[in-house]
């Protein structure tokens, strides 16, 4: 059984027929999120997309960031800096937030208090998400949060995925599938990205497509929450292998390389080594022959 099917079955098992009344984003209740009638708030968390401010004037009036709430026609708002003190982003990854390319960073947070001299505000970050390098989204795309459903499946196709249009009180639906093909770079591990999407650790830009009873979230861009790996990879010892065999490894959805516990014969291996696209780094492991994958450089190694 592949990862996608395993995740779907897991979501089905824990279901109850009455569903859920609220959505949580790493402990942030959806009822605290800004609704359609509000601009950026100092009291309610909002999902925003960010880009750098390249104007030249006295800081903090210039040189900060422009932020705009998702799924809204409201204008961008200038903030002087990102306040990461209330987030769980480790110091080693904070540069991946403050230095993110334009429109490749989604933040959940609220406006900070006014600064005394210039009346500017920071943006107090609760959570941060980085977009897949080299990918973009259409102006007509919506931004969704995907969360495991607690509704039991009675008849296929089953709606396992609670699909929430972020910052809005309308446009929510129950989905049967996720398609992240357009958001994948060459040799990027789809199992990893799907596991993040199914576990509520992404913001997805795209469309909801309804066809033949299926409701599919079709992503053009996927923003992955930082930090991606919240626990260290296990350090399991490799088995001792006899002559002519070598330990076999696998790569988990958490980007960890783990021994399978088996020894495999040496294979006749091609010397082709794939190149990763800009913004990605190469990782490798042995399973009879060298295996390769590309992962975004903004992820912790």
Foldseek 3Di string as FASTA:
>chain_A
DDLVVVLLVVLQVQADAVKDDWDDQPNRTQVQAAEDVDFFAQRGKFKWFKAFFPDDDDPLVTGEIWIGGFPHPDDTDDASYEAAPQEPFDPVQVCCARVPHHRQKMFIFGWAAADPPPRHTHTYGHWMWGKQPPFDADPPWFKWFWEAMRRHADDPPGQGIWIGRGNYPDDTDGFSEEACVLRDFPQADPLLVVVCRHHRQKIFIADFDDDPNGTYGYGRMIIGIPQLQPDDADDDDFDDDDPQWDFAWDADSSRDIDTPNDIGGQDDDDPDDDDGDPQWDKDWDDGSHIDIGIDGPSHDD
